[in-house]
Amino acid sequence: MKISLRHLPLTGLALMLAIGSTTAQAEQQAKFQANYEKKVQEDWFVKGKWVDDFDTAKERAKKENKVVFAYFTRSYSP
């Protein structure tokens, strides 16, 4: 594949944007993970004996003859 020299600046810009986007996504993912780890250490979660794995929650509910109460949230907004 031959790239014209006149397209080189646009190609470089596209590459820089792609790399920057990947870096930003990695940083954002690390932030989400830190927020999650902080959240599951809070008293309401620990003392409430909440489970953060759906399959584990289903097994526990079945053993205890209870229903699963699910709490969903998100830490981002487009």
N, C-alpha and C. Protein backbone atom coordinates (compact mmCIF):
# COMPACT_ATOMS: atom_id res chain seq x y z
N MET A 1 0.84 -1.17 0.00
CA MET A 1 0.00 0.00 0.00
C MET A 1 0.89 1.24 0.00
N LYS A 2 0.61 2.14 -0.89
CA LYS A 2 1.40 3.34 -1.01
C LYS A 2 0.60 4.52 -0.44
N ILE A 3 1.24 5.29 0.42
CA ILE A 3 0.59 6.46 1.01
C ILE A 3 1.18 7.71 0.39
N SER A 4 0.31 8.55 -0.09
CA SER A 4 0.74 9.79 -0.70
C SER A 4 1.30 10.71 0.39
N LEU A 5 2.34 11.46 0.06
CA LEU A 5 2.92 12.39 1.03
C LEU A 5 1.94 13.47 1.46
N ARG A 6 1.01 13.81 0.61
CA ARG A 6 0.05 14.85 0.98
C ARG A 6 -0.94 14.35 2.04
N HIS A 7 -1.07 13.02 2.18
CA HIS A 7 -1.95 12.45 3.19
C HIS A 7 -1.21 12.13 4.49
N LEU A 8 0.09 12.29 4.49
CA LEU A 8 0.89 11.95 5.65
C LEU A 8 0.47 12.73 6.90
N PRO A 9 0.24 14.05 6.84
CA PRO A 9 -0.19 14.75 8.05
C PRO A 9 -1.50 14.21 8.62
N LEU A 10 -2.45 13.88 7.75
CA LEU A 10 -3.72 13.33 8.22
C LEU A 10 -3.54 11.95 8.83
N THR A 11 -2.67 11.16 8.22
CA THR A 11 -2.39 9.83 8.75
C THR A 11 -1.75 9.94 10.13
N GLY A 12 -0.81 10.85 10.26
CA GLY A 12 -0.16 11.08 11.55
C GLY A 12 -1.14 11.55 12.60
N LEU A 13 -2.03 12.45 12.22
CA LEU A 13 -3.05 12.96 13.14
C LEU A 13 -3.97 11.83 13.59
N ALA A 14 -4.40 11.01 12.66
CA ALA A 14 -5.28 9.89 12.99
C ALA A 14 -4.58 8.93 13.95
N LEU A 15 -3.31 8.67 13.72
CA LEU A 15 -2.55 7.79 14.59
C LEU A 15 -2.42 8.37 15.99
N MET A 16 -2.12 9.66 16.07
CA MET A 16 -2.00 10.32 17.38
C MET A 16 -3.32 10.29 18.13
N LEU A 17 -4.42 10.52 17.44
CA LEU A 17 -5.74 10.48 18.08
C LEU A 17 -6.06 9.07 18.59
N ALA A 18 -5.71 8.07 17.81
CA ALA A 18 -5.97 6.69 18.22
C ALA A 18 -5.16 6.33 19.46
N ILE A 19 -3.90 6.71 19.47
CA ILE A 19 -3.04 6.42 20.63
C ILE A 19 -3.53 7.19 21.84
N GLY A 20 -3.87 8.45 21.65
CA GLY A 20 -4.38 9.27 22.76
C GLY A 20 -5.68 8.72 23.31
N SER A 21 -6.54 8.24 22.44
CA SER A 21 -7.81 7.67 22.86
C SER A 21 -7.60 6.40 23.68
N THR A 22 -6.66 5.57 23.25
CA THR A 22 -6.36 4.34 23.97
C THR A 22 -5.81 4.66 25.35
N THR A 23 -4.93 5.63 25.45
CA THR A 23 -4.37 6.04 26.73
C THR A 23 -5.47 6.59 27.63
N ALA A 24 -6.33 7.43 27.09
CA ALA A 24 -7.43 7.99 27.88
C ALA A 24 -8.37 6.89 28.37
N GLN A 25 -8.63 5.91 27.52
CA GLN A 25 -9.50 4.80 27.92
C GLN A 25 -8.87 3.99 29.05
N ALA A 26 -7.58 3.76 28.97
CA ALA A 26 -6.88 3.01 30.01
C ALA A 26 -6.92 3.77 31.33
N GLU A 27 -6.71 5.08 31.27
CA GLU A 27 -6.77 5.90 32.47
C GLU A 27 -8.17 5.89 33.07
N GLN A 28 -9.17 5.99 32.21
CA GLN A 28 -10.56 5.98 32.68
C GLN A 28 -10.90 4.63 33.30
N GLN A 29 -10.44 3.55 32.69
CA GLN A 29 -10.70 2.21 33.22
C GLN A 29 -10.05 2.06 34.60
N ALA A 30 -8.85 2.58 34.76
CA ALA A 30 -8.17 2.53 36.06
C ALA A 30 -8.96 3.32 37.10
N LYS A 31 -9.52 4.45 36.69
CA LYS A 31 -10.33 5.26 37.60
C LYS A 31 -11.59 4.50 38.01
N PHE A 32 -12.25 3.84 37.05
CA PHE A 32 -13.44 3.04 37.36
C PHE A 32 -13.09 1.93 38.35
N GLN A 33 -11.96 1.27 38.14
CA GLN A 33 -11.55 0.18 39.02
C GLN A 33 -11.29 0.71 40.43
N ALA A 34 -10.64 1.85 40.54
CA ALA A 34 -10.38 2.46 41.86
C ALA A 34 -11.69 2.82 42.55
N ASN A 35 -12.63 3.38 41.80
CA ASN A 35 -13.95 3.71 42.36
C ASN A 35 -14.66 2.46 42.86
N TYR A 36 -14.58 1.39 42.09
CA TYR A 36 -15.21 0.12 42.48
C TYR A 36 -14.59 -0.40 43.78
N GLU A 37 -13.27 -0.44 43.83
CA GLU A 37 -12.58 -0.95 45.01
C GLU A 37 -12.92 -0.12 46.25
N LYS A 38 -13.05 1.18 46.08
CA LYS A 38 -13.43 2.05 47.19
C LYS A 38 -14.87 1.76 47.63
N LYS A 39 -15.76 1.58 46.67
CA LYS A 39 -17.17 1.34 46.96
C LYS A 39 -17.38 0.06 47.75
N VAL A 40 -16.71 -1.03 47.37
CA VAL A 40 -16.94 -2.30 48.04
C VAL A 40 -16.29 -2.37 49.43
N GLN A 41 -15.55 -1.35 49.81
CA GLN A 41 -14.99 -1.28 51.16
C GLN A 41 -15.87 -0.46 52.11
N GLU A 42 -16.91 0.17 51.57
CA GLU A 42 -17.79 0.99 52.41
C GLU A 42 -18.59 0.10 53.36
N ASP A 43 -18.94 0.67 54.55
CA ASP A 43 -19.65 -0.08 55.58
C ASP A 43 -20.95 -0.71 55.08
N TRP A 44 -21.73 0.04 54.31
CA TRP A 44 -23.03 -0.48 53.87
C TRP A 44 -22.86 -1.75 53.04
N PHE A 45 -21.75 -1.84 52.31
CA PHE A 45 -21.51 -3.02 51.48
C PHE A 45 -20.97 -4.18 52.32
N VAL A 46 -19.97 -3.88 53.13
CA VAL A 46 -19.32 -4.92 53.93
C VAL A 46 -20.27 -5.47 54.99
N LYS A 47 -20.86 -4.59 55.78
CA LYS A 47 -21.74 -5.02 56.87
C LYS A 47 -23.05 -5.62 56.35
N GLY A 48 -23.46 -5.21 55.19
CA GLY A 48 -24.68 -5.74 54.60
C GLY A 48 -24.50 -7.10 53.96
N LYS A 49 -23.26 -7.58 53.93
CA LYS A 49 -22.92 -8.88 53.33
C LYS A 49 -23.38 -8.97 51.88
N TRP A 50 -23.21 -7.86 51.15
CA TRP A 50 -23.56 -7.83 49.74
C TRP A 50 -22.60 -8.71 48.96
N VAL A 51 -23.07 -9.22 47.86
CA VAL A 51 -22.26 -10.06 46.97
C VAL A 51 -22.17 -9.34 45.64
N ASP A 52 -20.99 -9.25 45.07
CA ASP A 52 -20.82 -8.53 43.80
C ASP A 52 -20.65 -9.45 42.60
N ASP A 53 -20.99 -10.70 42.76
CA ASP A 53 -20.93 -11.66 41.66
C ASP A 53 -22.31 -12.28 41.50
N PHE A 54 -22.90 -12.14 40.32
CA PHE A 54 -24.27 -12.58 40.10
C PHE A 54 -24.45 -14.09 40.29
N ASP A 55 -23.52 -14.88 39.78
CA ASP A 55 -23.64 -16.34 39.93
C ASP A 55 -23.57 -16.74 41.40
N THR A 56 -22.67 -16.12 42.15
CA THR A 56 -22.56 -16.39 43.58
C THR A 56 -23.84 -15.98 44.30
N ALA A 57 -24.39 -14.85 43.92
CA ALA A 57 -25.64 -14.37 44.53
C ALA A 57 -26.78 -15.34 44.26
N LYS A 58 -26.86 -15.86 43.04
CA LYS A 58 -27.92 -16.82 42.71
C LYS A 58 -27.77 -18.11 43.53
N GLU A 59 -26.55 -18.59 43.67
CA GLU A 59 -26.31 -19.80 44.47
C GLU A 59 -26.70 -19.57 45.92
N ARG A 60 -26.28 -18.44 46.47
CA ARG A 60 -26.59 -18.13 47.87
C ARG A 60 -28.09 -17.98 48.07
N ALA A 61 -28.76 -17.32 47.15
CA ALA A 61 -30.21 -17.14 47.24
C ALA A 61 -30.92 -18.49 47.20
N LYS A 62 -30.45 -19.36 46.36
CA LYS A 62 -31.06 -20.69 46.25
C LYS A 62 -30.88 -21.47 47.55
N LYS A 63 -29.67 -21.44 48.12
CA LYS A 63 -29.39 -22.15 49.38
C LYS A 63 -30.23 -21.60 50.53
N GLU A 64 -30.41 -20.26 50.56
CA GLU A 64 -31.13 -19.61 51.66
C GLU A 64 -32.62 -19.43 51.35
N ASN A 65 -33.07 -19.95 50.20
CA ASN A 65 -34.47 -19.82 49.78
C ASN A 65 -34.91 -18.35 49.79
N LYS A 66 -34.10 -17.51 49.16
CA LYS A 66 -34.38 -16.08 49.08
C LYS A 66 -34.32 -15.62 47.62
N VAL A 67 -34.73 -14.40 47.40
CA VAL A 67 -34.64 -13.82 46.07
C VAL A 67 -33.36 -13.00 45.97
N VAL A 68 -32.97 -12.67 44.77
CA VAL A 68 -31.80 -11.82 44.55
C VAL A 68 -32.28 -10.39 44.42
N PHE A 69 -31.73 -9.51 45.25
CA PHE A 69 -31.99 -8.08 45.14
C PHE A 69 -30.76 -7.49 44.46
N ALA A 70 -30.94 -6.98 43.26
CA ALA A 70 -29.80 -6.46 42.49
C ALA A 70 -29.79 -4.94 42.50
N TYR A 71 -28.61 -4.38 42.70
CA TYR A 71 -28.41 -2.94 42.70
C TYR A 71 -27.42 -2.62 41.59
N PHE A 72 -27.88 -1.89 40.59
CA PHE A 72 -27.03 -1.54 39.46
C PHE A 72 -26.77 -0.04 39.47
N THR A 73 -25.57 0.34 39.17
CA THR A 73 -25.22 1.75 39.08
C THR A 73 -24.13 1.91 38.02
N ARG A 74 -23.82 3.13 37.71
CA ARG A 74 -22.72 3.39 36.80
C ARG A 74 -21.97 4.61 37.28
N SER A 75 -20.70 4.66 36.97
CA SER A 75 -19.87 5.75 37.46
C SER A 75 -19.40 6.64 36.33
N TYR A 76 -20.15 6.68 35.26
CA TYR A 76 -19.77 7.53 34.13
C TYR A 76 -21.02 8.08 33.48
N SER A 77 -20.86 9.10 32.74
CA SER A 77 -21.98 9.68 32.00
C SER A 77 -21.44 10.26 30.70
N PRO A 78 -22.04 9.84 29.59
CA PRO A 78 -21.52 10.33 28.30
C PRO A 78 -21.70 11.82 28.10
